[in-house]
Amino acid sequence: MNAQPEAKRKERTVLSIYAGAVCFIMVMCFTVALAIVGYDLVQYNFPQLTVDDPEHFYMPAPSDGEREPPTMEEMVVIEKRYALRSMLQSSIVMAVNIIVFVLHWLLLRRRRN
């Protein structure tokens, strides 16, 4: 008779460890995504701080001929667009993190009761 409660306790422990580990990983992923969004906010609001010098990395394609490197104004627009795209991607990651975290947190709470 003792074997069955022991098996249930062991199952509960393994499931609790799994749910707790997933919650921990989701918090870490959320933290990284939040840091990226923080940088993206700086990049969008103050692009002059994050934009590279256009001549620093510009390499014309062979078919471009003698095309001029982008101006600083064009680079600022590009920088803001990249920031918005990155914010959208990170927001999607954070939404998924929240959903997975909540589901596993509820599982963990149910297993502890």
N, C-alpha and C. Protein backbone atom coordinates (compact mmCIF):
# COMPACT_ATOMS: atom_id res chain seq x y z
N MET A 1 0.81 -1.20 0.00
CA MET A 1 0.00 0.00 0.00
C MET A 1 0.85 1.26 0.00
N ASN A 2 2.02 1.21 0.54
CA ASN A 2 2.89 2.38 0.57
C ASN A 2 3.48 2.71 -0.79
N ALA A 3 3.49 1.76 -1.71
CA ALA A 3 4.10 1.98 -3.02
C ALA A 3 3.32 3.00 -3.83
N GLN A 4 2.01 2.97 -3.75
CA GLN A 4 1.22 3.89 -4.55
C GLN A 4 1.38 5.34 -4.10
N PRO A 5 1.27 5.66 -2.81
CA PRO A 5 1.50 7.06 -2.42
C PRO A 5 2.92 7.52 -2.74
N GLU A 6 3.90 6.63 -2.63
CA GLU A 6 5.28 7.00 -2.96
C GLU A 6 5.41 7.34 -4.45
N ALA A 7 4.75 6.56 -5.30
CA ALA A 7 4.78 6.82 -6.74
C ALA A 7 4.11 8.14 -7.07
N LYS A 8 2.99 8.42 -6.41
CA LYS A 8 2.31 9.69 -6.65
C LYS A 8 3.17 10.86 -6.18
N ARG A 9 3.82 10.70 -5.04
CA ARG A 9 4.68 11.75 -4.52
C ARG A 9 5.85 12.00 -5.47
N LYS A 10 6.42 10.90 -5.99
CA LYS A 10 7.53 11.03 -6.93
C LYS A 10 7.07 11.71 -8.22
N GLU A 11 5.89 11.33 -8.71
CA GLU A 11 5.34 11.94 -9.92
C GLU A 11 5.10 13.43 -9.68
N ARG A 12 4.57 13.75 -8.53
CA ARG A 12 4.31 15.14 -8.19
C ARG A 12 5.61 15.93 -8.11
N THR A 13 6.65 15.33 -7.56
CA THR A 13 7.94 15.99 -7.44
C THR A 13 8.56 16.25 -8.81
N VAL A 14 8.53 15.26 -9.69
CA VAL A 14 9.10 15.42 -11.03
C VAL A 14 8.34 16.50 -11.79
N LEU A 15 7.03 16.47 -11.72
CA LEU A 15 6.21 17.47 -12.40
C LEU A 15 6.44 18.86 -11.81
N SER A 16 6.61 18.94 -10.51
CA SER A 16 6.88 20.22 -9.87
C SER A 16 8.24 20.78 -10.30
N ILE A 17 9.22 19.90 -10.36
CA ILE A 17 10.55 20.34 -10.80
C ILE A 17 10.49 20.83 -12.24
N TYR A 18 9.79 20.08 -13.09
CA TYR A 18 9.63 20.48 -14.49
C TYR A 18 8.95 21.85 -14.59
N ALA A 19 7.80 22.01 -13.92
CA ALA A 19 7.05 23.26 -13.99
C ALA A 19 7.87 24.42 -13.43
N GLY A 20 8.58 24.19 -12.34
CA GLY A 20 9.42 25.25 -11.77
C GLY A 20 10.56 25.62 -12.69
N ALA A 21 11.16 24.64 -13.35
CA ALA A 21 12.26 24.92 -14.28
C ALA A 21 11.76 25.71 -15.48
N VAL A 22 10.60 25.35 -16.00
CA VAL A 22 10.04 26.09 -17.13
C VAL A 22 9.73 27.53 -16.72
N CYS A 23 9.17 27.72 -15.54
CA CYS A 23 8.89 29.08 -15.05
C CYS A 23 10.18 29.89 -14.95
N PHE A 24 11.23 29.28 -14.41
CA PHE A 24 12.51 29.97 -14.28
C PHE A 24 13.06 30.37 -15.65
N ILE A 25 13.01 29.45 -16.61
CA ILE A 25 13.51 29.74 -17.95
C ILE A 25 12.69 30.84 -18.61
N MET A 26 11.38 30.83 -18.41
CA MET A 26 10.53 31.87 -19.01
C MET A 26 10.84 33.24 -18.40
N VAL A 27 11.12 33.28 -17.11
CA VAL A 27 11.50 34.56 -16.49
C VAL A 27 12.81 35.07 -17.09
N MET A 28 13.76 34.18 -17.31
CA MET A 28 15.04 34.58 -17.92
C MET A 28 14.83 35.08 -19.35
N CYS A 29 14.04 34.36 -20.13
CA CYS A 29 13.77 34.78 -21.51
C CYS A 29 13.04 36.12 -21.54
N PHE A 30 12.08 36.29 -20.64
CA PHE A 30 11.34 37.55 -20.56
C PHE A 30 12.28 38.70 -20.21
N THR A 31 13.21 38.45 -19.29
CA THR A 31 14.16 39.49 -18.88
C THR A 31 15.03 39.91 -20.06
N VAL A 32 15.51 38.96 -20.83
CA VAL A 32 16.33 39.29 -22.00
C VAL A 32 15.51 40.07 -23.03
N ALA A 33 14.30 39.61 -23.30
CA ALA A 33 13.44 40.32 -24.26
C ALA A 33 13.12 41.73 -23.78
N LEU A 34 12.92 41.90 -22.49
CA LEU A 34 12.65 43.22 -21.93
C LEU A 34 13.86 44.13 -22.07
N ALA A 35 15.04 43.60 -21.90
CA ALA A 35 16.26 44.40 -22.09
C ALA A 35 16.40 44.82 -23.56
N ILE A 36 16.06 43.93 -24.46
CA ILE A 36 16.11 44.27 -25.89
C ILE A 36 15.11 45.37 -26.21
N VAL A 37 13.90 45.28 -25.65
CA VAL A 37 12.90 46.33 -25.86
C VAL A 37 13.40 47.66 -25.29
N GLY A 38 14.07 47.61 -24.15
CA GLY A 38 14.64 48.84 -23.58
C GLY A 38 15.63 49.49 -24.51
N TYR A 39 16.51 48.69 -25.11
CA TYR A 39 17.46 49.23 -26.07
C TYR A 39 16.73 49.75 -27.31
N ASP A 40 15.70 49.03 -27.75
CA ASP A 40 14.94 49.47 -28.92
C ASP A 40 14.25 50.81 -28.67
N LEU A 41 13.79 51.02 -27.45
CA LEU A 41 13.17 52.31 -27.12
C LEU A 41 14.19 53.45 -27.23
N VAL A 42 15.41 53.20 -26.74
CA VAL A 42 16.47 54.20 -26.89
C VAL A 42 16.78 54.39 -28.37
N GLN A 43 16.88 53.28 -29.10
CA GLN A 43 17.21 53.33 -30.52
C GLN A 43 16.14 54.10 -31.30
N TYR A 44 14.88 53.94 -30.93
CA TYR A 44 13.81 54.64 -31.64
C TYR A 44 13.74 56.13 -31.25
N ASN A 45 13.85 56.41 -29.97
CA ASN A 45 13.70 57.79 -29.50
C ASN A 45 14.96 58.64 -29.69
N PHE A 46 16.12 58.01 -29.67
CA PHE A 46 17.38 58.73 -29.83
C PHE A 46 18.27 58.01 -30.86
N PRO A 47 17.81 57.93 -32.11
CA PRO A 47 18.55 57.15 -33.10
C PRO A 47 19.96 57.70 -33.36
N GLN A 48 20.17 58.96 -33.12
CA GLN A 48 21.50 59.53 -33.33
C GLN A 48 22.54 58.92 -32.39
N LEU A 49 22.08 58.32 -31.28
CA LEU A 49 23.00 57.66 -30.35
C LEU A 49 23.38 56.26 -30.82
N THR A 50 22.52 55.63 -31.60
CA THR A 50 22.75 54.23 -31.96
C THR A 50 23.09 54.01 -33.42
N VAL A 51 22.85 55.00 -34.26
CA VAL A 51 23.09 54.83 -35.70
C VAL A 51 24.60 54.86 -35.96
N ASP A 52 25.02 53.98 -36.86
CA ASP A 52 26.43 53.97 -37.26
C ASP A 52 26.66 55.00 -38.35
N ASP A 53 27.89 55.40 -38.51
CA ASP A 53 28.27 56.30 -39.59
C ASP A 53 28.02 55.57 -40.90
N PRO A 54 27.21 56.15 -41.81
CA PRO A 54 26.86 55.45 -43.03
C PRO A 54 28.08 55.04 -43.86
N GLU A 55 29.12 55.81 -43.85
CA GLU A 55 30.29 55.49 -44.67
C GLU A 55 31.12 54.38 -44.03
N HIS A 56 30.83 54.11 -42.78
CA HIS A 56 31.59 53.13 -42.04
C HIS A 56 31.34 51.71 -42.54
N PHE A 57 30.11 51.42 -42.94
CA PHE A 57 29.76 50.06 -43.32
C PHE A 57 29.17 49.95 -44.72
N TYR A 58 29.00 51.06 -45.41
CA TYR A 58 28.34 51.03 -46.72
C TYR A 58 29.24 50.42 -47.77
N MET A 59 28.74 49.38 -48.42
CA MET A 59 29.45 48.77 -49.54
C MET A 59 28.46 48.66 -50.69
N PRO A 60 28.66 49.42 -51.76
CA PRO A 60 27.71 49.36 -52.87
C PRO A 60 27.71 48.00 -53.54
N ALA A 61 26.54 47.58 -53.97
CA ALA A 61 26.42 46.33 -54.72
C ALA A 61 27.06 46.53 -56.10
N PRO A 62 27.52 45.47 -56.74
CA PRO A 62 28.18 45.63 -58.05
C PRO A 62 27.31 46.33 -59.08
N SER A 63 26.00 46.16 -59.01
CA SER A 63 25.12 46.80 -60.00
C SER A 63 24.80 48.25 -59.65
N ASP A 64 25.20 48.69 -58.45
CA ASP A 64 24.88 50.06 -58.02
C ASP A 64 25.74 51.11 -58.73
N GLY A 65 26.89 50.73 -59.16
CA GLY A 65 27.77 51.71 -59.80
C GLY A 65 28.31 52.69 -58.78
N GLU A 66 28.08 53.94 -59.04
CA GLU A 66 28.63 55.00 -58.18
C GLU A 66 27.57 55.58 -57.25
N ARG A 67 26.72 54.78 -56.72
CA ARG A 67 25.67 55.25 -55.81
C ARG A 67 26.29 55.79 -54.53
N GLU A 68 25.74 56.89 -54.06
CA GLU A 68 26.23 57.53 -52.83
C GLU A 68 25.78 56.74 -51.61
N PRO A 69 26.58 56.77 -50.55
CA PRO A 69 26.12 56.14 -49.31
C PRO A 69 24.91 56.90 -48.76
N PRO A 70 24.09 56.24 -47.97
CA PRO A 70 22.91 56.92 -47.42
C PRO A 70 23.31 58.10 -46.54
N THR A 71 22.46 59.11 -46.53
CA THR A 71 22.70 60.27 -45.68
C THR A 71 22.38 59.91 -44.24
N MET A 72 22.79 60.79 -43.33
CA MET A 72 22.51 60.55 -41.92
C MET A 72 21.01 60.55 -41.66
N GLU A 73 20.25 61.39 -42.35
CA GLU A 73 18.79 61.42 -42.19
C GLU A 73 18.18 60.09 -42.63
N GLU A 74 18.66 59.55 -43.74
CA GLU A 74 18.17 58.25 -44.19
C GLU A 74 18.53 57.15 -43.20
N MET A 75 19.71 57.24 -42.64
CA MET A 75 20.14 56.24 -41.66
C MET A 75 19.29 56.31 -40.40
N VAL A 76 18.89 57.52 -39.99
CA VAL A 76 18.03 57.67 -38.82
C VAL A 76 16.67 57.01 -39.07
N VAL A 77 16.13 57.21 -40.26
CA VAL A 77 14.85 56.58 -40.61
C VAL A 77 14.98 55.06 -40.59
N ILE A 78 16.06 54.55 -41.16
CA ILE A 78 16.31 53.10 -41.18
C ILE A 78 16.46 52.58 -39.75
N GLU A 79 17.19 53.32 -38.92
CA GLU A 79 17.41 52.91 -37.53
C GLU A 79 16.09 52.82 -36.77
N LYS A 80 15.21 53.80 -36.99
CA LYS A 80 13.90 53.78 -36.32
C LYS A 80 13.06 52.59 -36.79
N ARG A 81 13.13 52.29 -38.08
CA ARG A 81 12.38 51.16 -38.62
C ARG A 81 12.87 49.84 -38.01
N TYR A 82 14.21 49.69 -37.91
CA TYR A 82 14.77 48.50 -37.29
C TYR A 82 14.34 48.39 -35.82
N ALA A 83 14.31 49.52 -35.13
CA ALA A 83 13.91 49.52 -33.73
C ALA A 83 12.45 49.06 -33.57
N LEU A 84 11.58 49.57 -34.44
CA LEU A 84 10.17 49.17 -34.36
C LEU A 84 10.01 47.68 -34.66
N ARG A 85 10.73 47.19 -35.65
CA ARG A 85 10.64 45.77 -35.98
C ARG A 85 11.14 44.91 -34.82
N SER A 86 12.23 45.32 -34.22
CA SER A 86 12.78 44.57 -33.10
C SER A 86 11.85 44.61 -31.89
N MET A 87 11.22 45.77 -31.65
CA MET A 87 10.26 45.87 -30.54
C MET A 87 9.07 44.93 -30.76
N LEU A 88 8.60 44.85 -32.00
CA LEU A 88 7.49 43.95 -32.31
C LEU A 88 7.89 42.50 -32.08
N GLN A 89 9.07 42.12 -32.55
CA GLN A 89 9.55 40.75 -32.34
C GLN A 89 9.69 40.43 -30.86
N SER A 90 10.29 41.33 -30.11
CA SER A 90 10.49 41.09 -28.68
C SER A 90 9.17 41.06 -27.93
N SER A 91 8.21 41.86 -28.36
CA SER A 91 6.89 41.86 -27.72
C SER A 91 6.19 40.52 -27.94
N ILE A 92 6.34 39.96 -29.12
CA ILE A 92 5.75 38.64 -29.39
C ILE A 92 6.42 37.59 -28.50
N VAL A 93 7.73 37.66 -28.38
CA VAL A 93 8.45 36.72 -27.51
C VAL A 93 7.97 36.87 -26.06
N MET A 94 7.81 38.11 -25.59
CA MET A 94 7.36 38.31 -24.21
C MET A 94 5.94 37.80 -24.00
N ALA A 95 5.06 37.97 -25.00
CA ALA A 95 3.69 37.46 -24.88
C ALA A 95 3.69 35.94 -24.77
N VAL A 96 4.50 35.28 -25.59
CA VAL A 96 4.60 33.81 -25.51
C VAL A 96 5.18 33.41 -24.15
N ASN A 97 6.19 34.13 -23.69
CA ASN A 97 6.78 33.84 -22.37
C ASN A 97 5.74 33.92 -21.27
N ILE A 98 4.92 34.95 -21.31
CA ILE A 98 3.90 35.13 -20.28
C ILE A 98 2.90 33.98 -20.30
N ILE A 99 2.46 33.59 -21.49
CA ILE A 99 1.48 32.49 -21.60
C ILE A 99 2.07 31.19 -21.06
N VAL A 100 3.28 30.86 -21.49
CA VAL A 100 3.91 29.61 -21.04
C VAL A 100 4.17 29.66 -19.53
N PHE A 101 4.62 30.82 -19.03
CA PHE A 101 4.87 30.97 -17.60
C PHE A 101 3.59 30.75 -16.80
N VAL A 102 2.51 31.42 -17.19
CA VAL A 102 1.26 31.31 -16.43
C VAL A 102 0.74 29.87 -16.44
N LEU A 103 0.79 29.21 -17.59
CA LEU A 103 0.32 27.82 -17.64
C LEU A 103 1.12 26.92 -16.71
N HIS A 104 2.43 27.08 -16.71
CA HIS A 104 3.26 26.23 -15.85
C HIS A 104 3.18 26.64 -14.38
N TRP A 105 2.98 27.91 -14.11
CA TRP A 105 2.81 28.37 -12.74
C TRP A 105 1.52 27.78 -12.15
N LEU A 106 0.46 27.78 -12.95
CA LEU A 106 -0.79 27.18 -12.48
C LEU A 106 -0.63 25.69 -12.25
N LEU A 107 0.09 25.01 -13.14
CA LEU A 107 0.38 23.58 -12.95
C LEU A 107 1.16 23.35 -11.67
N LEU A 108 2.14 24.19 -11.43
CA LEU A 108 2.96 24.07 -10.22
C LEU A 108 2.11 24.29 -8.96
N ARG A 109 1.26 25.29 -8.99
CA ARG A 109 0.40 25.54 -7.82
C ARG A 109 -0.57 24.40 -7.59
N ARG A 110 -1.13 23.86 -8.66
CA ARG A 110 -2.08 22.75 -8.53
C ARG A 110 -1.38 21.53 -7.96
N ARG A 111 -0.15 21.27 -8.36
CA ARG A 111 0.61 20.12 -7.88
C ARG A 111 1.01 20.28 -6.41
N ARG A 112 1.19 21.48 -5.97
CA ARG A 112 1.59 21.70 -4.58
C ARG A 112 0.43 21.58 -3.62
N ASN A 113 -0.77 21.76 -4.10
CA ASN A 113 -1.96 21.67 -3.24
C ASN A 113 -2.48 20.28 -3.11
